[in-house]
Protein backbone atom coordinates (compact mmCIF):
# COMPACT_ATOMS: atom_id res chain seq x y z
CA MET A 1 95.20 97.27 117.61
CA THR A 2 96.93 96.31 114.36
CA ILE A 3 100.39 97.47 113.38
CA ILE A 4 101.79 97.44 109.87
CA GLN A 5 105.52 97.17 109.68
CA ARG A 6 106.74 98.57 106.50
CA ARG A 7 110.31 98.08 105.34
CA VAL A 8 111.40 100.17 102.35
CA PHE A 9 114.51 98.92 100.60
CA TYR A 10 116.20 101.38 98.30
CA GLY A 11 118.04 99.36 95.65
CA LYS A 12 121.04 100.28 93.62
CA VAL A 13 120.17 101.36 90.09
CA GLY A 14 119.03 98.31 88.08
CA SER A 15 118.71 96.03 91.14
CA ALA A 16 114.91 96.01 91.56
CA ASP A 17 114.35 92.54 90.03
CA ASP A 18 116.97 91.01 92.21
CA LEU A 19 115.76 92.89 95.22
CA LEU A 20 112.18 91.70 94.60
CA SER A 21 113.45 88.15 94.34
CA TRP A 22 115.42 88.60 97.55
CA ALA A 23 112.33 89.91 99.40
CA LYS A 24 110.23 86.94 98.31
CA ASP A 25 112.92 84.56 99.46
CA MET A 26 113.59 86.26 102.79
CA TYR A 27 109.97 86.51 103.86
CA ALA A 28 109.37 82.94 102.77
CA VAL A 29 112.13 81.97 105.26
CA ILE A 30 110.51 83.91 108.03
CA GLN A 31 107.09 82.49 107.20
CA VAL A 32 108.34 78.88 107.63
CA ASN A 33 108.03 79.17 111.42
CA ASN A 34 105.32 81.89 111.27
CA PRO A 35 102.75 80.66 108.78
CA GLU A 36 100.13 83.08 110.09
CA MET A 37 102.21 86.08 109.10
CA LYS A 38 100.27 88.34 106.74
CA GLN A 39 102.60 90.12 104.32
CA ARG A 40 102.72 91.77 100.97
CA ILE A 41 105.58 92.89 98.71
CA LEU A 42 105.32 96.00 96.56
CA SER A 43 107.69 97.25 93.93
CA ASP A 44 108.25 100.70 92.46
CA TYR A 45 110.75 100.80 89.65
CA GLN A 46 109.84 104.10 87.97
CA SER A 47 108.75 106.85 90.36
CA GLY A 48 110.42 108.75 93.15
CA GLN A 49 113.64 107.08 94.04
CA THR A 50 113.70 104.17 91.58
CA ASP A 51 114.38 100.49 92.33
CA ARG A 52 112.38 100.47 95.55
CA VAL A 53 110.85 97.37 97.14
CA VAL A 54 108.51 97.53 100.12
CA VAL A 55 107.59 94.72 102.38
CA GLU A 56 104.66 95.11 104.69
CA ILE A 57 103.76 92.66 107.51
CA GLU A 58 100.70 92.88 109.71
CA LEU A 59 101.16 92.44 113.45
CA ARG A 60 98.63 92.37 116.28
CA ASN A 61 101.10 94.25 118.41
CA ILE A 62 104.81 95.21 118.25
CA GLY A 63 105.78 92.36 120.55
CA GLU A 64 104.65 89.90 117.90
CA LEU A 65 107.62 90.92 115.80
CA ASP A 66 109.98 89.72 118.51
CA THR A 67 108.09 86.48 118.81
CA MET A 68 108.30 85.89 115.03
CA LEU A 69 112.03 86.46 115.06
CA GLU A 70 112.49 84.17 118.11
CA LYS A 71 110.67 81.38 116.23
CA THR A 72 112.84 82.00 113.14
CA PHE A 73 116.08 81.75 115.10
CA GLU A 74 115.03 78.79 117.32
CA ASP A 75 115.39 76.45 114.43
CA PRO A 76 119.09 76.01 113.38
CA ALA A 77 118.16 75.13 109.75
CA THR A 78 115.84 78.19 109.35
CA GLN A 79 118.52 80.41 111.03
CA GLN A 80 121.11 79.23 108.49
CA ARG A 81 118.72 79.92 105.58
CA PHE A 82 117.99 83.37 107.00
CA SER A 83 121.70 84.17 107.22
CA THR A 84 122.36 82.90 103.66
CA VAL A 85 119.47 84.90 102.18
CA PHE A 86 120.33 88.02 104.28
CA GLU A 87 123.89 88.09 102.83
CA ARG A 88 122.38 88.46 99.36
CA LEU A 89 120.87 91.84 100.41
CA LYS A 90 124.04 93.76 101.02
CA PRO A 91 125.16 94.31 97.48
CA LEU A 92 121.58 95.11 96.29
CA ILE A 93 120.67 98.18 98.42
CA ASP A 94 121.93 101.62 99.29
CA ARG A 95 119.73 101.80 102.40
CA ALA A 96 116.50 100.75 104.01
CA GLU A 97 113.92 102.33 106.31
CA VAL A 98 111.45 100.77 108.73
CA GLU A 99 108.12 102.33 109.63
CA HIS A 100 105.48 101.12 112.12
CA TRP A 101 101.95 102.28 111.32
CA THR A 102 99.03 101.83 113.68
CA ILE A 103 95.68 101.02 112.05
CA HIS A 104 92.79 102.81 113.79
């Protein structure tokens, strides 16, 4: 069974470009120790609530998410990069949501 984790980031007005850059950087950090991770980044600047960026990753099961994060934080250099990039997120967004979709 495949799971799609979908993180929807709701950016502050005008922050979409910076938020998109942040998402590319953050998921590149995670991918360093998880090269098999399938992901895609989507942006929506002009419909619904504007300045949205969505990141989707594909997982074989929900436990794979824990394994990916463990691999990321096992390496001190990657952990430091994660923390540095994560700090850039705070001023960019109003909120975020996480969804887990099962593909049948």
